[in-house]
Protein backbone atom coordinates (compact mmCIF):
# COMPACT_ATOMS: atom_id res chain seq x y z
CA UNK A 1 -10.36 -14.03 -9.72
CA UNK A 2 -9.29 -12.36 -6.53
CA UNK A 3 -12.48 -11.52 -4.71
CA UNK A 4 -12.62 -8.88 -1.83
CA UNK A 5 -14.26 -9.66 1.67
CA UNK A 6 -17.94 -10.09 1.65
CA UNK A 7 -18.28 -7.06 3.96
CA UNK A 8 -16.24 -5.06 1.54
CA UNK A 9 -18.43 -6.19 -1.50
CA UNK A 10 -21.46 -5.07 0.28
CA UNK A 11 -20.23 -1.52 0.55
CA UNK A 12 -21.12 1.22 -1.76
CA UNK A 13 -18.10 3.12 -3.05
CA UNK A 14 -17.30 6.60 -1.34
CA UNK A 15 -16.21 9.29 -3.77
CA UNK A 16 -15.32 12.55 -2.12
CA UNK A 17 -15.04 15.70 -4.34
CA UNK A 18 -11.41 15.94 -5.63
CA UNK A 19 -11.20 19.62 -6.54
CA UNK A 20 -12.79 23.06 -6.49
CA UNK A 21 -13.78 23.25 -2.80
CA UNK A 22 -11.50 25.84 -1.21
CA UNK A 23 -13.71 28.77 -2.27
CA UNK A 24 -16.84 27.07 -0.73
CA UNK A 25 -18.20 26.10 2.70
CA UNK A 26 -19.20 22.46 2.81
CA UNK A 27 -20.89 21.97 5.96
CA UNK A 28 -21.34 18.17 5.41
CA UNK A 29 -17.48 17.90 5.81
CA UNK A 30 -17.57 19.60 9.18
CA UNK A 31 -14.67 21.70 8.22
CA UNK A 32 -13.21 24.66 10.04
CA UNK A 33 -14.52 27.93 8.45
CA UNK A 34 -12.37 30.25 10.49
CA UNK A 35 -8.71 31.10 10.63
CA UNK A 36 -6.31 29.38 13.04
CA UNK A 37 -4.24 31.08 15.85
CA UNK A 38 -1.67 33.72 14.71
CA UNK A 39 1.23 31.36 14.52
CA UNK A 40 -0.11 30.17 11.10
CA UNK A 41 -0.71 33.67 9.55
CA UNK A 42 1.80 32.89 6.61
CA UNK A 43 0.13 29.77 5.55
CA UNK A 44 -2.95 29.51 3.35
CA UNK A 45 -5.80 28.87 5.71
CA UNK A 46 -7.94 26.72 3.44
CA UNK A 47 -5.07 24.38 3.08
CA UNK A 48 -4.95 23.95 6.80
CA UNK A 49 -8.80 24.00 7.65
CA UNK A 50 -10.21 21.93 5.00
CA UNK A 51 -9.95 18.33 4.12
CA UNK A 52 -7.16 18.00 1.31
CA UNK A 53 -7.75 17.91 -2.34
CA UNK A 54 -5.83 15.30 -4.29
CA UNK A 55 -6.46 15.66 -8.09
CA UNK A 56 -3.45 17.94 -8.93
CA UNK A 57 -1.05 15.87 -6.83
CA UNK A 58 -2.39 12.64 -8.25
CA UNK A 59 -1.71 13.85 -11.70
CA UNK A 60 1.77 15.00 -10.90
CA UNK A 61 2.47 11.84 -9.07
CA UNK A 62 1.13 9.68 -11.96
CA UNK A 63 3.36 11.60 -14.40
CA UNK A 64 6.37 11.19 -12.15
CA UNK A 65 5.70 7.43 -11.89
CA UNK A 66 4.83 7.03 -15.46
CA UNK A 67 1.57 5.21 -14.35
CA UNK A 68 -2.16 6.14 -15.13
CA UNK A 69 -3.70 8.04 -12.43
CA UNK A 70 -6.54 5.30 -11.69
CA UNK A 71 -3.76 2.82 -10.86
CA UNK A 72 -2.71 5.05 -7.60
CA UNK A 73 -4.56 5.38 -4.38
CA UNK A 74 -3.01 7.80 -1.79
CA UNK A 75 -2.86 6.62 1.87
CA UNK A 76 -1.88 7.80 5.26
CA UNK A 77 1.66 6.44 4.79
CA UNK A 78 2.42 3.01 3.60
CA UNK A 79 1.15 1.79 7.00
CA UNK A 80 -2.60 2.44 5.96
CA UNK A 81 -1.82 1.01 2.65
CA UNK A 82 -1.05 -2.31 4.16
CA UNK A 83 -3.91 -2.27 6.39
CA UNK A 84 -6.27 -1.42 3.69
CA UNK A 85 -5.20 -4.36 1.72
CA UNK A 86 -5.42 -6.86 4.44
CA UNK A 87 -8.78 -5.65 5.56
CA UNK A 88 -10.00 -5.51 1.85
CA UNK A 89 -8.87 -8.94 0.60
CA UNK A 90 -8.79 -11.28 3.82
CA UNK A 91 -11.97 -13.06 4.66
CA UNK A 92 -11.64 -13.46 8.47
CA UNK A 93 -10.62 -16.94 9.60
CA UNK A 94 -10.73 -18.22 6.18
CA UNK A 95 -8.11 -16.76 3.98
CA UNK A 96 -4.33 -17.45 4.19
CA UNK A 97 -1.59 -14.89 4.13
CA UNK A 98 2.04 -15.42 3.83
CA UNK A 99 4.80 -13.35 5.28
CA UNK A 100 8.69 -13.65 5.70
CA UNK A 101 10.14 -13.35 9.14
CA UNK A 102 11.59 -11.02 10.49
CA UNK A 103 9.89 -8.29 8.57
CA UNK A 104 8.15 -4.88 9.03
CA UNK A 105 6.28 -5.35 12.26
CA UNK A 106 3.08 -3.74 10.73
CA UNK A 107 2.76 -6.47 8.14
CA UNK A 108 1.71 -9.27 10.57
CA UNK A 109 0.01 -6.79 12.80
CA UNK A 110 -2.56 -5.92 10.02
CA UNK A 111 -2.92 -9.38 8.82
CA UNK A 112 -3.72 -10.48 12.48
CA UNK A 113 -6.26 -7.69 12.77
CA UNK A 114 -7.78 -8.89 9.47
CA UNK A 115 -7.82 -12.55 11.16
CA UNK A 116 -5.93 -14.02 8.45
CA UNK A 117 -4.56 -17.59 8.78
CA UNK A 118 -0.85 -16.42 8.58
CA UNK A 119 2.00 -18.77 7.36
CA UNK A 120 5.37 -17.36 8.46
CA UNK A 121 8.44 -18.35 6.40
CA UNK A 122 11.74 -17.60 8.28
CA UNK A 123 14.50 -16.04 6.53
CA UNK A 124 17.76 -18.10 5.78
CA UNK A 125 20.69 -17.92 8.12
CA UNK A 126 22.24 -15.01 6.02
CA UNK A 127 18.94 -13.19 6.58
CA UNK A 128 18.06 -13.50 2.80
CA UNK A 129 14.55 -14.48 1.72
CA UNK A 130 14.10 -18.21 1.69
CA UNK A 131 13.10 -18.43 -1.97
CA UNK A 132 12.46 -22.17 -1.90
CA UNK A 133 10.24 -22.11 1.26
CA UNK A 134 8.31 -19.27 0.04
CA UNK A 135 7.68 -21.12 -3.13
CA UNK A 136 6.59 -24.19 -1.25
CA UNK A 137 4.10 -21.80 0.72
CA UNK A 138 2.75 -20.33 -2.46
CA UNK A 139 1.96 -23.85 -3.89
CA UNK A 140 -0.26 -24.44 -0.95
CA UNK A 141 -2.62 -21.88 -2.27
CA UNK A 142 -2.67 -18.46 -0.30
CA UNK A 143 -5.10 -15.51 -0.84
CA UNK A 144 -2.15 -12.98 -0.50
CA UNK A 145 1.58 -12.74 0.33
CA UNK A 146 2.95 -9.43 1.79
CA UNK A 147 6.82 -9.03 1.35
CA UNK A 148 8.99 -5.80 1.98
CA UNK A 149 11.75 -5.32 -0.48
CA UNK A 150 14.13 -4.20 0.68
CA UNK A 151 13.05 -5.64 3.94
CA UNK A 152 13.05 -4.11 7.36
CA UNK A 153 14.97 -5.02 9.40
CA UNK A 154 16.82 -7.55 7.32
CA UNK A 155 17.70 -5.29 4.48
CA UNK A 156 16.98 -8.32 2.04
CA UNK A 157 15.71 -7.95 -1.40
CA UNK A 158 13.70 -10.00 -3.84
CA UNK A 159 14.87 -10.09 -7.33
CA UNK A 160 12.13 -8.49 -9.39
CA UNK A 161 12.14 -11.47 -12.04
CA UNK A 162 11.30 -13.70 -8.98
CA UNK A 163 8.39 -11.75 -7.98
CA UNK A 164 6.87 -11.47 -11.54
CA UNK A 165 7.43 -15.25 -12.13
CA UNK A 166 5.37 -15.88 -9.03
CA UNK A 167 2.78 -13.48 -10.24
CA UNK A 168 2.41 -15.43 -13.48
CA UNK A 169 2.56 -18.80 -11.72
CA UNK A 170 -0.10 -18.01 -8.93
CA UNK A 171 -2.66 -15.75 -10.55
CA UNK A 172 -5.06 -16.65 -7.55
CA UNK A 173 -2.57 -15.04 -5.13
CA UNK A 174 -2.34 -11.47 -4.48
CA UNK A 175 1.12 -10.20 -4.27
CA UNK A 176 1.93 -7.12 -2.21
CA UNK A 177 5.29 -5.79 -2.29
CA UNK A 178 6.04 -3.10 0.22
CA UNK A 179 8.68 -0.83 -1.36
CA UNK A 180 9.09 1.80 1.42
CA UNK A 181 12.94 1.58 0.96
CA UNK A 182 13.07 0.92 -2.80
CA UNK A 183 14.66 4.32 -3.45
CA UNK A 184 17.81 3.10 -1.85
CA UNK A 185 18.10 0.36 -4.38
CA UNK A 186 18.03 -0.31 -8.06
CA UNK A 187 15.39 -3.07 -7.84
CA UNK A 188 11.60 -2.45 -8.11
CA UNK A 189 8.41 -3.96 -9.53
CA UNK A 190 6.61 -0.73 -9.51
CA UNK A 191 6.75 -0.41 -13.31
CA UNK A 192 5.09 -3.82 -13.72
CA UNK A 193 1.81 -3.34 -11.92
CA UNK A 194 0.07 -2.50 -15.30
CA UNK A 195 1.14 -5.97 -16.52
CA UNK A 196 -0.36 -8.09 -13.54
CA UNK A 197 -3.87 -7.75 -11.93
CA UNK A 198 -2.43 -9.76 -9.00
CA UNK A 199 0.36 -7.19 -8.13
CA UNK A 200 0.10 -4.39 -5.71
CA UNK A 201 3.15 -2.04 -4.60
CA UNK A 202 3.10 0.20 -1.63
CA UNK A 203 5.26 3.11 -1.19
CA UNK A 204 5.78 6.07 1.14
CA UNK A 205 7.12 9.61 1.28
CA UNK A 206 8.43 8.92 4.68
CA UNK A 207 11.82 7.43 3.98
CA UNK A 208 13.98 8.69 0.91
CA UNK A 209 11.77 11.80 0.51
CA UNK A 210 12.08 12.71 4.34
CA UNK A 211 8.64 13.64 4.62
CA UNK A 212 7.28 11.45 7.44
CA UNK A 213 5.14 14.25 8.99
CA UNK A 214 3.00 14.38 5.84
CA UNK A 215 1.88 10.85 6.60
CA UNK A 216 1.76 10.18 2.82
CA UNK A 217 2.05 7.09 0.96
CA UNK A 218 0.23 5.38 -1.91
CA UNK A 219 -0.84 1.88 -3.36
CA UNK A 220 0.03 1.25 -7.08
CA UNK A 221 -1.93 -1.47 -8.96
CA UNK A 222 -4.78 -2.41 -11.04
CA UNK A 223 -7.81 -0.13 -10.55
């Protein structure tokens, strides 16, 4: 069983109201109750001044992805998704995390902040994932492995069947697949998150959707 950090287990869940707040003033949220300057007169003020509501969007996203809504967690881009995962599951100076190198710079960054013992597996001479070296690293018992597929900056992709075989072979390891660029390929394991409790997929609306300014991403996985 994959257990979160002791500090995370000691926390009480935080559940903000999901809907039905725009016609009310909730002082505990410290929200702006007045309109903004004239440049925004064509925008609905409640959508700008209040913290956002997510329920309707989550329902539409779940339908679009063909996944149950409880399997989705919205984040500030996929950057925050990767940070949340590292900070949730890595016991500082105890747990080991595996990465490929080079890769998206925020992956080792967040693992370092979480104080993971990082094992780096270099790519091959052709900039492909070194499957055999990754396999060897996994056999040495790691708490999690974070791989971007397609990777940035190499462009390398991992065969979905390889990822799923690893998920099955190493049930005590959490597999995190960053699919920020998956819309540009025909490979993805997003549809498999309901099969494996040790598989998380992170995605963003900053790439193919061209909406980086929204700072919107999500994690898909077991609730």
